[in-house]
Protein backbone atom coordinates (compact mmCIF):
# COMPACT_ATOMS: atom_id res chain seq x y z
CA UNK A 1 -39.54 -5.11 -49.18
CA UNK A 2 -39.94 -8.05 -51.62
CA UNK A 3 -39.99 -6.47 -54.89
CA UNK A 4 -42.92 -8.70 -55.96
CA UNK A 5 -44.74 -5.45 -53.33
CA UNK A 6 -45.41 -2.68 -55.12
CA UNK A 7 -46.47 -0.55 -51.77
CA UNK A 8 -47.81 -0.74 -48.36
CA UNK A 9 -50.67 -2.45 -49.18
CA UNK A 10 -48.37 -4.99 -51.08
CA UNK A 11 -49.91 -4.55 -54.36
CA UNK A 12 -48.35 -7.11 -56.62
CA UNK A 13 -46.37 -5.93 -59.68
CA UNK A 14 -47.85 -6.78 -63.20
CA UNK A 15 -45.63 -9.83 -64.35
CA UNK A 16 -42.02 -8.44 -64.06
CA UNK A 17 -40.97 -10.46 -65.97
CA UNK A 18 -41.88 -9.86 -69.32
CA UNK A 19 -40.18 -6.20 -69.35
CA UNK A 20 -37.29 -6.83 -67.13
CA UNK A 21 -33.62 -6.22 -67.53
CA UNK A 22 -31.72 -8.99 -65.86
CA UNK A 23 -28.29 -8.94 -64.82
CA UNK A 24 -26.29 -12.27 -65.22
CA UNK A 25 -23.51 -12.95 -62.21
CA UNK A 26 -20.77 -15.28 -62.75
CA UNK A 27 -20.09 -15.63 -58.89
CA UNK A 28 -16.90 -16.86 -58.54
CA UNK A 29 -15.80 -13.81 -61.10
CA UNK A 30 -18.17 -10.98 -59.59
CA UNK A 31 -16.40 -10.12 -56.00
CA UNK A 32 -14.72 -12.02 -53.65
CA UNK A 33 -15.09 -11.24 -49.83
CA UNK A 34 -12.94 -13.63 -48.37
CA UNK A 35 -9.76 -12.93 -50.37
CA UNK A 36 -8.93 -16.33 -51.82
CA UNK A 37 -9.63 -15.23 -55.41
CA UNK A 38 -12.57 -17.14 -55.86
CA UNK A 39 -16.05 -14.73 -55.76
CA UNK A 40 -18.44 -15.30 -53.23
CA UNK A 41 -22.00 -14.86 -52.10
CA UNK A 42 -20.58 -12.27 -49.70
CA UNK A 43 -18.83 -10.53 -52.05
CA UNK A 44 -22.01 -10.64 -54.61
CA UNK A 45 -24.32 -9.01 -51.06
CA UNK A 46 -21.44 -6.09 -50.67
CA UNK A 47 -21.59 -5.12 -54.60
CA UNK A 48 -25.61 -5.28 -55.00
CA UNK A 49 -25.82 -1.69 -54.41
CA UNK A 50 -23.73 -1.20 -57.35
CA UNK A 51 -26.09 -2.62 -59.36
CA UNK A 52 -29.27 -1.38 -58.35
CA UNK A 53 -27.72 2.44 -59.12
CA UNK A 54 -27.04 0.43 -62.43
CA UNK A 55 -30.83 0.13 -62.53
CA UNK A 56 -31.12 -3.69 -62.84
CA UNK A 57 -34.54 -5.42 -62.28
CA UNK A 58 -33.37 -9.07 -61.28
CA UNK A 59 -30.09 -10.79 -61.41
CA UNK A 60 -29.30 -14.51 -62.37
CA UNK A 61 -26.94 -16.42 -60.84
CA UNK A 62 -24.53 -19.60 -62.40
CA UNK A 63 -24.24 -22.23 -60.10
CA UNK A 64 -23.30 -21.85 -56.62
CA UNK A 65 -24.28 -25.51 -55.63
CA UNK A 66 -21.68 -27.44 -53.84
CA UNK A 67 -19.29 -28.93 -56.42
CA UNK A 68 -15.90 -30.94 -57.43
CA UNK A 69 -15.89 -27.51 -59.47
CA UNK A 70 -14.86 -29.53 -62.58
CA UNK A 71 -16.52 -27.00 -64.64
CA UNK A 72 -16.90 -24.14 -62.71
CA UNK A 73 -20.15 -25.08 -61.27
CA UNK A 74 -22.02 -26.75 -63.34
CA UNK A 75 -21.38 -30.19 -61.68
CA UNK A 76 -23.54 -30.16 -58.50
CA UNK A 77 -22.64 -32.75 -56.36
CA UNK A 78 -25.66 -31.10 -53.96
CA UNK A 79 -28.44 -29.28 -55.61
CA UNK A 80 -29.69 -28.00 -51.56
CA UNK A 81 -26.50 -26.26 -50.28
CA UNK A 82 -24.14 -23.92 -51.27
CA UNK A 83 -20.43 -24.69 -51.88
CA UNK A 84 -18.44 -23.54 -49.59
CA UNK A 85 -16.22 -21.70 -52.13
CA UNK A 86 -19.38 -19.29 -52.61
CA UNK A 87 -20.33 -19.53 -48.75
CA UNK A 88 -23.40 -20.66 -46.82
CA UNK A 89 -26.89 -20.92 -47.05
CA UNK A 90 -27.13 -18.66 -44.34
CA UNK A 91 -24.86 -16.14 -46.76
CA UNK A 92 -27.26 -17.55 -49.46
CA UNK A 93 -30.45 -16.06 -47.00
CA UNK A 94 -28.72 -12.87 -46.69
CA UNK A 95 -28.02 -12.37 -49.79
CA UNK A 96 -31.46 -12.48 -50.94
CA UNK A 97 -32.67 -10.59 -48.49
CA UNK A 98 -30.31 -7.51 -49.50
CA UNK A 99 -31.41 -7.44 -52.81
CA UNK A 100 -35.03 -7.84 -52.12
CA UNK A 101 -34.61 -4.93 -50.08
CA UNK A 102 -32.99 -2.93 -53.01
CA UNK A 103 -36.39 -4.17 -55.37
CA UNK A 104 -33.98 -6.44 -56.74
CA UNK A 105 -35.16 -10.40 -57.63
CA UNK A 106 -33.07 -13.09 -57.82
CA UNK A 107 -33.32 -16.27 -60.02
CA UNK A 108 -31.04 -18.85 -59.55
CA UNK A 109 -29.28 -21.23 -62.30
CA UNK A 110 -30.49 -24.78 -61.91
CA UNK A 111 -28.66 -27.86 -63.92
CA UNK A 112 -31.15 -30.50 -64.58
CA UNK A 113 -29.49 -32.50 -67.39
CA UNK A 114 -26.61 -33.71 -65.45
CA UNK A 115 -25.56 -34.14 -61.71
CA UNK A 116 -21.17 -34.42 -61.16
CA UNK A 117 -19.79 -37.25 -60.61
CA UNK A 118 -19.79 -37.02 -57.14
CA UNK A 119 -22.57 -37.09 -56.56
CA UNK A 120 -24.25 -39.34 -54.10
CA UNK A 121 -26.77 -40.49 -56.62
CA UNK A 122 -23.90 -41.38 -59.23
CA UNK A 123 -22.06 -42.99 -56.49
CA UNK A 124 -24.77 -45.27 -55.55
CA UNK A 125 -25.54 -46.10 -58.66
CA UNK A 126 -22.50 -47.21 -59.23
CA UNK A 127 -22.58 -49.58 -55.93
CA UNK A 128 -25.52 -50.72 -56.55
CA UNK A 129 -24.73 -53.16 -59.94
CA UNK A 130 -26.06 -53.73 -62.93
CA UNK A 131 -30.28 -53.83 -63.20
CA UNK A 132 -30.36 -51.61 -60.11
CA UNK A 133 -33.02 -49.15 -59.84
CA UNK A 134 -30.02 -46.81 -58.47
CA UNK A 135 -28.78 -47.56 -62.13
CA UNK A 136 -31.64 -46.26 -64.12
CA UNK A 137 -31.19 -43.09 -62.52
CA UNK A 138 -28.72 -41.77 -65.16
CA UNK A 139 -28.02 -43.24 -68.67
CA UNK A 140 -25.82 -46.35 -68.50
CA UNK A 141 -26.13 -48.91 -71.38
CA UNK A 142 -24.00 -51.87 -72.65
CA UNK A 143 -21.22 -51.11 -75.02
CA UNK A 144 -20.75 -52.29 -79.06
CA UNK A 145 -18.48 -54.59 -80.50
CA UNK A 146 -18.09 -57.96 -79.49
CA UNK A 147 -17.06 -57.52 -75.76
CA UNK A 148 -18.94 -54.49 -75.26
CA UNK A 149 -15.45 -52.76 -75.61
CA UNK A 150 -17.11 -49.94 -78.07
CA UNK A 151 -19.14 -46.85 -76.87
CA UNK A 152 -23.27 -47.56 -77.82
CA UNK A 153 -22.77 -44.64 -80.24
CA UNK A 154 -21.03 -42.28 -81.69
CA UNK A 155 -22.18 -39.19 -79.90
CA UNK A 156 -19.76 -36.39 -79.58
CA UNK A 157 -19.07 -34.19 -76.26
CA UNK A 158 -20.24 -30.90 -76.45
CA UNK A 159 -16.81 -30.15 -74.83
CA UNK A 160 -15.05 -32.29 -77.33
CA UNK A 161 -14.15 -36.30 -77.13
CA UNK A 162 -17.02 -39.28 -77.08
CA UNK A 163 -19.91 -38.81 -74.67
CA UNK A 164 -19.63 -41.73 -72.93
CA UNK A 165 -17.10 -43.67 -70.38
CA UNK A 166 -17.03 -47.11 -69.67
CA UNK A 167 -17.28 -48.18 -65.83
CA UNK A 168 -15.71 -50.86 -63.94
CA UNK A 169 -17.38 -53.20 -61.77
CA UNK A 170 -16.89 -53.79 -58.34
CA UNK A 171 -15.39 -57.32 -58.80
CA UNK A 172 -13.19 -55.79 -61.71
CA UNK A 173 -14.81 -56.49 -64.59
CA UNK A 174 -15.23 -54.29 -67.37
CA UNK A 175 -19.19 -52.72 -66.98
CA UNK A 176 -21.50 -50.80 -69.39
CA UNK A 177 -21.23 -46.85 -70.58
CA UNK A 178 -22.59 -43.76 -68.96
CA UNK A 179 -23.75 -40.65 -71.35
CA UNK A 180 -22.02 -37.37 -70.24
CA UNK A 181 -23.13 -34.55 -73.25
CA UNK A 182 -21.13 -32.46 -71.63
CA UNK A 183 -17.29 -34.09 -69.18
CA UNK A 184 -17.14 -37.30 -68.32
CA UNK A 185 -17.57 -35.95 -64.82
CA UNK A 186 -21.25 -34.87 -65.63
CA UNK A 187 -23.02 -38.07 -65.87
CA UNK A 188 -26.72 -37.54 -67.88
CA UNK A 189 -30.05 -37.92 -65.97
CA UNK A 190 -32.36 -40.64 -67.15
CA UNK A 191 -35.67 -38.24 -67.41
CA UNK A 192 -37.70 -41.05 -68.25
CA UNK A 193 -37.27 -41.68 -64.31
CA UNK A 194 -40.26 -41.12 -62.07
CA UNK A 195 -37.61 -40.96 -59.45
CA UNK A 196 -35.20 -38.54 -61.12
CA UNK A 197 -38.42 -36.27 -61.70
CA UNK A 198 -39.59 -36.10 -57.88
CA UNK A 199 -35.97 -35.55 -56.72
CA UNK A 200 -35.56 -32.10 -58.83
CA UNK A 201 -38.97 -31.06 -57.68
CA UNK A 202 -38.10 -31.51 -54.54
CA UNK A 203 -34.79 -29.58 -55.44
CA UNK A 204 -37.00 -26.24 -57.11
CA UNK A 205 -39.48 -26.24 -53.69
CA UNK A 206 -36.55 -26.10 -51.55
CA UNK A 207 -35.07 -22.83 -53.50
CA UNK A 208 -39.33 -21.34 -53.80
CA UNK A 209 -39.22 -21.88 -50.20
CA UNK A 210 -36.38 -20.01 -49.21
CA UNK A 211 -37.80 -17.07 -51.45
CA UNK A 212 -35.89 -17.64 -54.35
CA UNK A 213 -37.50 -15.49 -57.74
CA UNK A 214 -37.18 -18.19 -60.45
CA UNK A 215 -34.61 -20.32 -61.66
CA UNK A 216 -33.09 -19.84 -65.46
CA UNK A 217 -32.69 -23.86 -66.31
CA UNK A 218 -29.31 -24.83 -68.03
CA UNK A 219 -29.27 -27.14 -71.77
CA UNK A 220 -33.09 -26.92 -70.71
CA UNK A 221 -33.08 -28.50 -74.77
CA UNK A 222 -31.75 -31.44 -73.39
CA UNK A 223 -32.65 -33.75 -70.64
CA UNK A 224 -35.02 -36.15 -73.11
CA UNK A 225 -32.88 -38.29 -75.65
CA UNK A 226 -34.65 -39.64 -78.46
CA UNK A 227 -35.64 -42.99 -77.99
CA UNK A 228 -33.42 -46.12 -79.16
CA UNK A 229 -30.08 -43.56 -78.83
CA UNK A 230 -29.29 -42.99 -82.76
CA UNK A 231 -25.90 -42.27 -83.90
CA UNK A 232 -25.92 -38.61 -84.95
CA UNK A 233 -22.80 -36.48 -86.69
CA UNK A 234 -23.62 -33.00 -86.43
CA UNK A 235 -23.41 -30.14 -89.20
CA UNK A 236 -20.02 -28.78 -89.62
CA UNK A 237 -21.57 -25.29 -88.60
CA UNK A 238 -23.43 -26.54 -85.86
CA UNK A 239 -22.77 -24.46 -82.67
CA UNK A 240 -21.55 -26.69 -79.31
CA UNK A 241 -24.63 -26.70 -78.39
CA UNK A 242 -26.52 -27.39 -80.90
CA UNK A 243 -27.60 -24.15 -82.85
CA UNK A 244 -27.13 -23.67 -86.07
CA UNK A 245 -27.39 -20.72 -88.22
CA UNK A 246 -30.46 -20.63 -90.74
CA UNK A 247 -30.57 -18.26 -93.70
CA UNK A 248 -34.46 -16.52 -93.70
CA UNK A 249 -37.57 -18.63 -94.21
CA UNK A 250 -35.97 -22.24 -93.15
CA UNK A 251 -39.32 -23.94 -92.11
CA UNK A 252 -38.82 -25.49 -88.26
CA UNK A 253 -39.62 -29.40 -89.92
CA UNK A 254 -36.41 -28.90 -92.42
CA UNK A 255 -33.99 -28.30 -89.25
CA UNK A 256 -32.72 -32.01 -88.20
CA UNK A 257 -32.56 -31.93 -84.10
CA UNK A 258 -29.79 -33.65 -82.78
CA UNK A 259 -31.08 -36.68 -80.76
CA UNK A 260 -30.04 -35.52 -77.67
CA UNK A 261 -31.00 -31.88 -77.96
CA UNK A 262 -34.89 -30.26 -78.25
CA UNK A 263 -36.85 -33.73 -77.76
CA UNK A 264 -40.43 -33.18 -77.29
CA UNK A 265 -40.61 -35.20 -73.52
CA UNK A 266 -38.88 -32.16 -72.45
CA UNK A 267 -42.12 -29.92 -72.01
CA UNK A 268 -43.88 -32.79 -70.12
CA UNK A 269 -41.36 -31.82 -67.66
CA UNK A 270 -41.68 -28.24 -67.69
CA UNK A 271 -45.47 -27.90 -67.67
CA UNK A 272 -45.03 -30.09 -64.47
CA UNK A 273 -42.54 -27.40 -63.02
CA UNK A 274 -44.63 -24.26 -64.64
CA UNK A 275 -47.49 -26.24 -62.00
CA UNK A 276 -45.08 -25.83 -58.98
CA UNK A 277 -44.24 -22.57 -59.78
CA UNK A 278 -47.11 -21.40 -60.46
CA UNK A 279 -48.49 -22.23 -56.45
CA UNK A 280 -46.48 -19.85 -55.44
CA UNK A 281 -47.21 -16.15 -54.68
CA UNK A 282 -44.52 -13.26 -56.74
CA UNK A 283 -44.56 -14.53 -60.36
CA UNK A 284 -41.82 -17.05 -60.11
CA UNK A 285 -40.29 -17.30 -63.15
CA UNK A 286 -38.42 -20.43 -65.29
CA UNK A 287 -35.61 -19.25 -68.00
CA UNK A 288 -34.76 -21.59 -70.94
CA UNK A 289 -31.30 -21.82 -71.73
CA UNK A 290 -31.79 -23.76 -75.40
CA UNK A 291 -30.14 -23.63 -78.38
CA UNK A 292 -32.41 -24.80 -80.86
CA UNK A 293 -33.46 -23.29 -84.41
CA UNK A 294 -35.67 -21.63 -85.66
CA UNK A 295 -37.17 -19.16 -83.55
CA UNK A 296 -40.71 -20.68 -83.65
CA UNK A 297 -39.17 -23.72 -82.72
CA UNK A 298 -37.55 -22.23 -78.93
CA UNK A 299 -41.26 -20.49 -78.85
CA UNK A 300 -42.44 -23.84 -77.95
CA UNK A 301 -40.80 -23.54 -74.49
CA UNK A 302 -42.51 -20.98 -73.39
CA UNK A 303 -45.70 -21.51 -74.22
CA UNK A 304 -48.23 -20.17 -71.30
CA UNK A 305 -47.89 -23.72 -69.67
CA UNK A 306 -44.43 -23.77 -69.68
CA UNK A 307 -41.27 -21.27 -68.76
CA UNK A 308 -42.03 -17.77 -69.30
CA UNK A 309 -38.93 -17.09 -71.48
CA UNK A 310 -36.59 -17.91 -73.54
CA UNK A 311 -33.07 -17.30 -74.35
CA UNK A 312 -32.69 -15.35 -77.59
CA UNK A 313 -29.73 -17.04 -79.26
CA UNK A 314 -30.62 -16.27 -83.03
CA UNK A 315 -30.05 -12.48 -81.73
CA UNK A 316 -27.34 -12.84 -80.19
CA UNK A 317 -25.42 -14.71 -82.86
CA UNK A 318 -26.58 -12.40 -85.47
CA UNK A 319 -23.94 -10.25 -86.93
CA UNK A 320 -24.20 -6.22 -86.97
CA UNK A 321 -25.62 -5.83 -90.03
CA UNK A 322 -29.23 -3.85 -90.51
CA UNK A 323 -30.39 -5.91 -92.47
CA UNK A 324 -30.04 -9.24 -90.36
CA UNK A 325 -30.70 -7.55 -87.56
CA UNK A 326 -34.55 -6.42 -88.75
CA UNK A 327 -34.66 -10.00 -89.83
CA UNK A 328 -34.50 -11.28 -86.72
CA UNK A 329 -35.88 -9.01 -84.72
CA UNK A 330 -39.49 -9.14 -86.44
CA UNK A 331 -39.12 -12.91 -86.64
CA UNK A 332 -38.78 -13.20 -82.69
CA UNK A 333 -41.36 -10.93 -81.80
CA UNK A 334 -43.47 -13.00 -84.39
CA UNK A 335 -42.60 -16.00 -82.67
CA UNK A 336 -42.41 -15.40 -79.03
CA UNK A 337 -45.86 -12.99 -79.38
CA UNK A 338 -47.28 -16.10 -80.92
CA UNK A 339 -47.41 -17.84 -77.70
CA UNK A 340 -48.37 -14.94 -75.72
CA UNK A 341 -44.71 -14.84 -74.53
CA UNK A 342 -42.41 -11.96 -74.25
CA UNK A 343 -39.36 -11.52 -77.01
CA UNK A 344 -35.65 -11.77 -74.55
CA UNK A 345 -32.42 -10.07 -76.13
CA UNK A 346 -28.73 -10.92 -74.99
CA UNK A 347 -25.67 -10.47 -76.44
CA UNK A 348 -23.32 -12.02 -73.91
CA UNK A 349 -22.87 -14.45 -71.69
CA UNK A 350 -21.11 -16.85 -69.72
CA UNK A 351 -20.37 -18.99 -72.96
CA UNK A 352 -19.72 -17.04 -75.48
CA UNK A 353 -17.00 -14.52 -76.67
CA UNK A 354 -17.98 -10.89 -75.07
CA UNK A 355 -19.91 -8.91 -77.93
CA UNK A 356 -17.08 -6.24 -77.25
CA UNK A 357 -14.81 -8.32 -78.93
CA UNK A 358 -17.48 -10.72 -80.65
CA UNK A 359 -18.55 -8.49 -83.13
CA UNK A 360 -15.54 -7.22 -84.25
CA UNK A 361 -14.51 -10.31 -84.72
CA UNK A 362 -13.56 -11.53 -89.25
CA UNK A 363 -13.28 -14.68 -88.68
CA UNK A 364 -15.61 -17.72 -87.72
CA UNK A 365 -16.34 -18.54 -84.52
CA UNK A 366 -18.50 -21.44 -83.30
CA UNK A 367 -19.89 -20.78 -79.75
CA UNK A 368 -18.24 -22.60 -77.04
CA UNK A 369 -15.10 -22.35 -78.77
CA UNK A 370 -13.69 -19.06 -77.63
CA UNK A 371 -10.86 -16.89 -78.59
CA UNK A 372 -6.74 -17.19 -77.75
CA UNK A 373 -3.71 -15.37 -79.17
CA UNK A 374 -3.53 -17.65 -82.21
CA UNK A 375 -7.16 -17.25 -83.49
CA UNK A 376 -7.44 -15.93 -87.20
CA UNK A 377 -9.37 -12.74 -87.43
CA UNK A 378 -8.71 -11.39 -83.78
CA UNK A 379 -11.02 -8.36 -83.19
CA UNK A 380 -9.86 -4.78 -83.58
CA UNK A 381 -10.63 -3.74 -79.56
CA UNK A 382 -11.81 0.17 -80.30
CA UNK A 383 -14.08 -1.19 -83.20
CA UNK A 384 -15.43 -3.21 -80.94
CA UNK A 385 -15.97 -1.52 -78.35
CA UNK A 386 -17.82 1.26 -80.77
CA UNK A 387 -19.77 -1.68 -82.15
CA UNK A 388 -20.68 -3.03 -78.32
CA UNK A 389 -21.78 -0.35 -77.06
CA UNK A 390 -24.09 0.91 -80.70
CA UNK A 391 -25.58 -3.32 -80.07
CA UNK A 392 -26.61 -2.59 -76.67
CA UNK A 393 -27.91 0.97 -77.16
CA UNK A 394 -29.99 -0.81 -79.78
CA UNK A 395 -30.80 -3.62 -77.82
CA UNK A 396 -32.22 -2.20 -74.75
CA UNK A 397 -34.93 0.21 -76.60
CA UNK A 398 -36.50 -2.98 -77.85
CA UNK A 399 -39.42 -4.55 -75.96
CA UNK A 400 -39.48 -7.05 -74.28
CA UNK A 401 -36.65 -8.41 -71.23
CA UNK A 402 -33.17 -8.29 -71.84
CA UNK A 403 -30.00 -9.73 -70.15
CA UNK A 404 -26.66 -8.24 -69.33
CA UNK A 405 -24.11 -10.35 -68.50
CA UNK A 406 -21.76 -8.88 -65.93
CA UNK A 407 -19.09 -6.75 -66.88
CA UNK A 408 -20.49 -5.59 -70.14
CA UNK A 409 -21.66 -2.66 -68.79
CA UNK A 410 -17.73 -1.86 -68.32
CA UNK A 411 -17.25 -2.35 -71.81
CA UNK A 412 -15.24 -5.60 -70.89
CA UNK A 413 -13.21 -7.50 -74.01
CA UNK A 414 -12.73 -10.86 -74.22
CA UNK A 415 -9.15 -12.03 -72.34
CA UNK A 416 -6.97 -13.48 -74.90
CA UNK A 417 -3.56 -13.60 -73.80
CA UNK A 418 -4.84 -16.08 -70.80
CA UNK A 419 -1.42 -18.03 -70.41
CA UNK A 420 -2.28 -21.55 -71.02
CA UNK A 421 -1.06 -22.85 -67.37
CA UNK A 422 -3.62 -20.81 -66.28
CA UNK A 423 -7.06 -22.42 -67.79
CA UNK A 424 -9.66 -24.03 -67.00
CA UNK A 425 -12.39 -24.64 -68.98
CA UNK A 426 -12.77 -28.30 -69.73
CA UNK A 427 -13.24 -27.35 -73.23
CA UNK A 428 -9.48 -26.84 -73.43
CA UNK A 429 -8.57 -30.03 -72.13
CA UNK A 430 -10.69 -32.36 -74.03
CA UNK A 431 -9.80 -30.57 -77.11
CA UNK A 432 -5.77 -30.89 -76.13
CA UNK A 433 -5.78 -26.99 -76.82
CA UNK A 434 -7.66 -26.94 -79.85
CA UNK A 435 -9.85 -24.98 -78.44
CA UNK A 436 -9.73 -21.99 -76.23
CA UNK A 437 -13.23 -22.58 -74.52
CA UNK A 438 -14.38 -19.65 -72.95
CA UNK A 439 -12.18 -18.93 -69.81
CA UNK A 440 -11.75 -15.79 -72.01
CA UNK A 441 -15.14 -14.56 -71.00
CA UNK A 442 -14.86 -15.25 -67.07
CA UNK A 443 -11.85 -13.13 -66.19
CA UNK A 444 -13.36 -11.63 -62.77
CA UNK A 445 -14.06 -8.01 -62.99
CA UNK A 446 -12.16 -4.24 -62.22
CA UNK A 447 -14.04 -2.69 -59.42
CA UNK A 448 -10.53 -0.06 -58.39
CA UNK A 449 -8.47 0.95 -61.00
CA UNK A 450 -5.64 0.92 -58.48
CA UNK A 451 -6.31 -1.65 -55.91
CA UNK A 452 -5.04 -5.33 -55.82
CA UNK A 453 -6.85 -7.50 -58.61
CA UNK A 454 -8.24 -4.20 -59.30
CA UNK A 455 -10.46 -4.22 -56.40
CA UNK A 456 -11.74 -7.84 -57.23
CA UNK A 457 -10.46 -9.46 -53.70
CA UNK A 458 -8.38 -7.61 -50.85
CA UNK A 459 -5.36 -9.56 -51.55
CA UNK A 460 -4.72 -9.78 -55.44
CA UNK A 461 -5.62 -13.23 -55.66
CA UNK A 462 -7.37 -14.03 -58.87
CA UNK A 463 -9.00 -17.18 -60.15
CA UNK A 464 -7.76 -16.38 -63.76
CA UNK A 465 -5.28 -13.66 -64.28
CA UNK A 466 -6.64 -10.04 -65.19
CA UNK A 467 -5.60 -8.58 -68.19
CA UNK A 468 -2.62 -5.93 -67.07
CA UNK A 469 -4.89 -2.89 -68.81
CA UNK A 470 -8.15 -3.59 -67.20
CA UNK A 471 -7.65 -0.35 -64.33
CA UNK A 472 -9.14 1.26 -67.72
CA UNK A 473 -12.37 -0.76 -67.08
CA UNK A 474 -13.06 -0.46 -63.56
CA UNK A 475 -15.96 0.62 -62.43
CA UNK A 476 -14.43 3.82 -59.82
CA UNK A 477 -12.78 4.53 -63.15
CA UNK A 478 -16.26 4.36 -65.34
CA UNK A 479 -18.51 6.16 -62.93
CA UNK A 480 -19.37 9.60 -63.20
CA UNK A 481 -17.46 9.89 -66.51
CA UNK A 482 -20.03 10.54 -68.60
CA UNK A 483 -17.97 9.24 -72.06
CA UNK A 484 -18.01 5.68 -70.23
CA UNK A 485 -19.80 2.34 -71.00
CA UNK A 486 -21.46 2.32 -67.43
CA UNK A 487 -22.41 5.82 -67.76
CA UNK A 488 -24.05 5.04 -71.06
CA UNK A 489 -25.98 1.55 -69.43
CA UNK A 490 -27.31 3.29 -66.51
CA UNK A 491 -28.78 5.91 -68.48
CA UNK A 492 -30.32 3.17 -70.95
CA UNK A 493 -31.67 1.93 -68.36
CA UNK A 494 -33.11 4.93 -66.34
CA UNK A 495 -34.50 6.20 -69.87
CA UNK A 496 -35.98 2.46 -70.73
CA UNK A 497 -37.48 2.46 -67.31
CA UNK A 498 -38.92 5.92 -67.42
CA UNK A 499 -40.16 5.40 -70.65
CA UNK A 500 -41.43 1.71 -70.75
CA UNK A 501 -39.70 0.84 -73.67
CA UNK A 502 -39.82 -2.83 -72.44
CA UNK A 503 -43.90 -2.79 -72.83
CA UNK A 504 -43.89 -0.70 -75.50
CA UNK A 505 -44.12 -1.76 -79.39
CA UNK A 506 -42.16 -0.86 -82.36
CA UNK A 507 -42.44 0.55 -85.84
CA UNK A 508 -40.10 0.28 -88.31
CA UNK A 509 -38.52 3.56 -89.79
CA UNK A 510 -38.49 2.90 -93.51
CA UNK A 511 -36.53 4.76 -96.32
CA UNK A 512 -32.72 5.09 -93.84
CA UNK A 513 -29.76 4.34 -96.18
CA UNK A 514 -28.71 0.85 -96.63
CA UNK A 515 -26.98 -0.23 -93.72
CA UNK A 516 -29.09 1.93 -91.28
CA UNK A 517 -31.91 0.82 -88.97
CA UNK A 518 -34.65 2.51 -87.32
CA UNK A 519 -37.26 2.57 -85.55
CA UNK A 520 -40.29 4.37 -83.10
CA UNK A 521 -41.19 3.07 -80.12
CA UNK A 522 -42.86 5.33 -77.17
CA UNK A 523 -42.18 9.00 -78.17
CA UNK A 524 -38.70 7.37 -79.25
CA UNK A 525 -36.82 6.84 -82.43
CA UNK A 526 -34.18 4.79 -82.39
CA UNK A 527 -31.44 4.61 -85.28
CA UNK A 528 -28.63 2.34 -85.51
CA UNK A 529 -26.44 2.87 -88.19
CA UNK A 530 -24.10 -0.38 -88.68
CA UNK A 531 -21.62 0.74 -91.30
CA UNK A 532 -18.48 1.86 -90.95
CA UNK A 533 -19.77 5.74 -92.88
CA UNK A 534 -21.56 8.63 -91.27
CA UNK A 535 -25.49 9.30 -92.08
CA UNK A 536 -27.32 12.44 -91.74
CA UNK A 537 -28.59 12.49 -88.20
CA UNK A 538 -32.24 12.27 -88.53
CA UNK A 539 -34.68 15.64 -86.45
CA UNK A 540 -35.01 15.36 -82.94
CA UNK A 541 -33.69 16.06 -79.50
CA UNK A 542 -30.67 13.62 -78.84
CA UNK A 543 -31.74 11.36 -75.84
CA UNK A 544 -28.86 9.37 -75.87
CA UNK A 545 -26.16 8.01 -77.87
CA UNK A 546 -23.61 5.05 -78.06
CA UNK A 547 -20.93 7.25 -79.67
CA UNK A 548 -19.57 10.97 -80.03
CA UNK A 549 -21.86 12.20 -82.68
CA UNK A 550 -21.02 14.89 -85.41
CA UNK A 551 -22.39 17.85 -86.96
CA UNK A 552 -26.38 16.79 -88.03
CA UNK A 553 -24.47 13.24 -88.87
CA UNK A 554 -24.64 9.85 -86.82
CA UNK A 555 -21.12 7.88 -87.57
CA UNK A 556 -20.83 4.67 -88.28
CA UNK A 557 -21.34 1.49 -85.87
CA UNK A 558 -23.47 4.35 -83.62
CA UNK A 559 -26.44 4.08 -82.20
CA UNK A 560 -28.97 7.36 -81.05
CA UNK A 561 -31.84 7.81 -78.89
CA UNK A 562 -34.07 10.69 -80.38
CA UNK A 563 -37.20 12.31 -78.37
CA UNK A 564 -39.95 12.35 -81.02
């Protein structure tokens, strides 16, 4: 039965995405059925029952399309097929059908800012030559300098180094430069081209017709670049995708956007996509990855005629501090509510340090930089896990939709001690090892403590090496252990669903000690102690606690749900 039908009379479920818990699968690291060390679609299908048992409403899959895999699939060479690494279109159809049988929706990852340089469209552009219509599908520009030997502007790639690469024409002469905001193998599309827009509408139709439930849109704040492509030097505190930490009360017009992020023209594109999705049954959705500040600006992506959700990176980037958390929760509910959209909540994903490590870092760590053995302020793993459990318990009680990144339900930390020769993130190579990049949050999952590759594959192969101690985090180790992180997530998701917390409202509880955050929602009081000291536990029957409680006390770095 499709998840958009509630009974035999096919009664539509009301806007499921407003309160959904969505589980991100990074396919190459989830489960490997073939034994080659790379996760695949059949592996996902085999493990879907565990996600149904966890209690999620939907899964979001990072790219599984045909790709040279220069950036782990975010360099697409065919948007309408499955890379042989991951299986076939028939494998996708079987995975989708199994998910729907279990009541789980499936969201795909669309990459519209750029393609692979091996995509036929880019190869055709190279072959067609100067002034051709094919060249207009990408961002080709003449260079500066006497002979065009300098890049068209000073833009830097997200992965480090210049954002421009010069081509050599078929006759051997130096040609124009092409823009790649990411790796040189990922040329940016020219979204002022009607042809490009039409191609992506066809891509959307292809997957919607197969039954997919929506799309997470990669780099949804990219696509359109400012007229004239002016020089730009980002502020030192900016993350690699553009987000800048803001002080409370900063007005949107005071935050200068990079000329390649958040341009007004992107909204016209998404309004066109929304019109297409609305012609399909089943509440198909669009979710934006847009690293834009402040929250009042990111809300532009989820106006009623555009996307349904946008990732709340302001929340993800908030420190483990009661005052800061209360502020960002208020701002989120206000900003998204002003346009009739739910807020989303997220703590980890495939591009950031896992929150079981990040929340205990003691030095600055910009998005995309990652951590490794020489990083300053490396976290205490015990403190990190305690805070991660408390932060998750807080997040899953909030109204709106929540995202979970694979493995966080096991309490997985960032894999810090990866050998240099095992690293694969383009960031590592383009910065000559100055940034560790994102490999540490992408290490394959442990399923079975005493199996080869901890059950990730039957052969013991693993495309990134798994830390030796990860058997303690394996799903079979944690399943049924009431003190485990897995059982904490299962309990939180069950209570969240039973009590309708995703569709609730919250009212702050005032008068709590400094460093303690509390709110009431639908018969539950949620209290989070972000300090290192115990405080008096409020009255109420304990429904859930992120860690052991004292006698009438709430220890530091602990969250509790109390029945009122």
